[in-house]
Protein backbone atom coordinates (compact mmCIF):
# COMPACT_ATOMS: atom_id res chain seq x y z
CA MET A 1 13.79 -47.21 -24.03
CA SER A 2 12.61 -49.64 -27.32
CA LEU A 3 9.63 -51.72 -27.58
CA ASN A 4 9.84 -55.23 -28.17
CA ARG A 5 7.76 -57.57 -30.58
CA HIS A 6 4.84 -58.18 -28.56
CA GLN A 7 4.45 -54.88 -27.79
CA ILE A 8 5.05 -53.10 -30.80
CA ARG A 9 1.86 -56.50 -32.06
CA GLU A 10 -0.38 -54.77 -29.01
CA ALA A 11 0.01 -51.46 -30.14
CA ALA A 12 -0.24 -52.63 -33.99
CA PHE A 13 -3.79 -54.15 -32.68
CA GLN A 14 -4.79 -50.56 -30.41
CA VAL A 15 -4.09 -48.78 -33.55
CA LEU A 16 -5.72 -50.57 -36.10
CA PHE A 17 -9.25 -50.75 -34.42
CA ALA A 18 -8.23 -46.65 -33.64
CA LEU A 19 -8.76 -47.05 -37.86
CA SER A 20 -11.49 -49.36 -37.62
CA SER A 21 -13.69 -46.04 -36.05
CA ASN A 22 -12.16 -43.63 -37.52
CA ALA A 23 -10.39 -44.59 -41.15
CA GLU A 24 -10.04 -40.86 -41.40
CA ALA A 25 -7.36 -40.28 -38.69
CA SER A 26 -3.60 -39.54 -39.26
CA HIS A 27 -2.44 -42.91 -38.84
CA GLU A 28 1.23 -40.90 -36.84
CA ASP A 29 -0.80 -38.98 -34.22
CA LEU A 30 -2.31 -43.39 -33.45
CA TYR A 31 1.44 -44.41 -33.73
CA HIS A 32 1.87 -41.36 -31.46
CA GLN A 33 -1.35 -42.16 -28.97
CA VAL A 34 -0.45 -46.46 -29.07
CA LEU A 35 3.11 -44.98 -27.69
CA GLU A 36 2.54 -42.81 -24.66
CA SER A 37 1.23 -46.06 -23.35
CA TYR A 38 4.25 -47.44 -23.40
CA HIS A 39 6.29 -44.63 -22.18
CA ASP A 40 7.74 -44.35 -26.05
CA ALA A 41 6.47 -41.33 -27.56
CA SER A 42 9.30 -39.94 -27.95
CA GLU A 43 10.75 -42.28 -29.97
CA ASP A 44 10.42 -43.00 -33.18
CA VAL A 45 7.92 -45.58 -34.82
CA PRO A 46 9.19 -48.52 -34.63
CA ALA A 47 9.57 -49.64 -38.66
CA TYR A 48 7.86 -52.91 -37.10
CA LEU A 49 4.52 -50.84 -35.73
CA SER A 50 4.24 -49.70 -39.13
CA GLN A 51 5.42 -52.65 -41.03
CA ILE A 52 1.65 -54.46 -38.99
CA VAL A 53 -0.21 -51.59 -39.87
CA ASP A 54 0.10 -51.23 -43.29
CA GLY A 55 0.52 -54.98 -44.19
CA VAL A 56 -2.65 -55.04 -42.55
CA LEU A 57 -4.49 -52.53 -44.60
CA ASP A 58 -3.63 -52.56 -47.85
CA HIS A 59 -3.72 -56.25 -47.73
CA GLN A 60 -6.73 -56.44 -46.39
CA ALA A 61 -9.13 -58.15 -48.66
CA GLU A 62 -6.76 -60.64 -49.37
CA LEU A 63 -6.29 -61.48 -45.13
CA ASP A 64 -10.19 -61.76 -45.24
CA GLU A 65 -10.73 -64.53 -48.20
CA GLU A 66 -8.20 -66.88 -47.02
CA ILE A 67 -9.46 -65.43 -43.49
CA SER A 68 -13.12 -66.46 -44.48
CA LYS A 69 -12.11 -70.13 -46.11
CA TYR A 70 -11.07 -70.74 -42.26
CA LEU A 71 -14.39 -70.19 -40.87
CA LYS A 72 -17.41 -72.65 -40.69
CA LYS A 73 -20.17 -72.46 -43.56
CA THR A 74 -22.26 -70.24 -41.52
CA TRP A 75 -20.16 -67.38 -40.22
CA SER A 76 -18.26 -65.19 -42.72
CA VAL A 77 -15.95 -62.19 -41.68
CA GLU A 78 -18.37 -59.43 -41.61
CA ARG A 79 -20.45 -61.38 -38.41
CA LEU A 80 -16.50 -61.69 -36.13
CA ALA A 81 -16.33 -59.33 -33.09
CA ARG A 82 -14.04 -56.55 -34.53
CA THR A 83 -10.87 -57.57 -32.20
CA ASP A 84 -11.04 -61.02 -33.13
CA HIS A 85 -11.11 -60.41 -37.02
CA LEU A 86 -7.93 -57.29 -36.20
CA ILE A 87 -6.10 -60.12 -34.41
CA LEU A 88 -6.05 -62.72 -36.74
CA GLN A 89 -5.55 -60.04 -39.78
CA ILE A 90 -2.58 -59.44 -37.95
CA ALA A 91 -1.59 -63.23 -37.96
CA PHE A 92 -2.08 -64.15 -41.15
CA PHE A 93 -0.38 -61.00 -42.84
CA GLU A 94 2.36 -62.53 -39.84
CA ILE A 95 2.08 -66.03 -41.44
CA ASN A 96 2.16 -64.58 -45.06
CA TYR A 97 3.58 -61.79 -45.26
CA VAL A 98 6.71 -61.87 -42.44
CA GLU A 99 9.17 -64.62 -43.76
CA ASP A 100 11.83 -63.74 -40.34
CA VAL A 101 8.70 -64.56 -38.01
CA PRO A 102 7.71 -68.60 -37.59
CA ASN A 103 3.84 -69.52 -38.29
CA LYS A 104 4.01 -70.70 -34.21
CA VAL A 105 4.66 -67.44 -32.78
CA ALA A 106 2.67 -65.99 -35.20
CA ILE A 107 -0.40 -67.77 -33.73
CA ASN A 108 1.40 -67.95 -30.10
CA GLU A 109 0.93 -63.48 -30.55
CA ALA A 110 -2.31 -64.02 -31.74
CA LEU A 111 -3.11 -65.34 -28.76
CA GLU A 112 -1.53 -63.30 -26.32
CA LEU A 113 -3.68 -60.53 -28.29
CA ALA A 114 -6.89 -62.36 -27.83
CA LYS A 115 -6.25 -62.61 -23.75
CA LYS A 116 -5.19 -59.41 -23.07
CA PHE A 117 -7.71 -57.60 -25.77
CA ALA A 118 -10.50 -60.53 -26.47
CA ASP A 119 -12.29 -63.36 -23.64
CA GLU A 120 -11.27 -66.86 -23.16
CA THR A 121 -13.75 -67.77 -26.35
CA ALA A 122 -12.06 -65.86 -28.95
CA LYS A 123 -8.97 -66.69 -27.95
CA ASN A 124 -10.29 -70.83 -28.62
CA PHE A 125 -11.31 -69.72 -32.02
CA ILE A 126 -8.54 -67.51 -33.07
CA ASN A 127 -6.53 -70.32 -32.27
CA GLY A 128 -9.29 -73.22 -34.14
CA VAL A 129 -8.67 -70.93 -37.73
CA LEU A 130 -5.42 -70.31 -36.91
CA SER A 131 -4.76 -74.25 -36.63
CA SER A 132 -6.55 -75.45 -39.20
CA LYS A 133 -5.12 -72.60 -41.77
CA LEU A 134 -1.60 -74.39 -40.49
CA GLY A 135 -2.93 -78.17 -39.80
């Protein structure tokens, strides 16, 4: 069974969340742990999963710099809840670096991640930040 892109984004979020707690963790081990929950651990790691994870990690500084442009003056990236921060990083990565993902899809997927991994206020906040980026 191969994963669809929505499931891959969920898996990427989970891997990035784990890495934010333990940067030394093995990416391969985390991929397989997360993929087990989709009953997909035996298959190869989907290329898009490593593209998102590696892309967010490789471009973290510029993603954060860009995210901070769309936050209220009193807020900083450091003050964001870890879930909100990671969801925004994934969305900004897809918008900026993944040509075959339309911006609308990146926003909708970010909101789906927020529904699953964050709360209602986070969903509205993430939507506001992404809308002003594309505004």
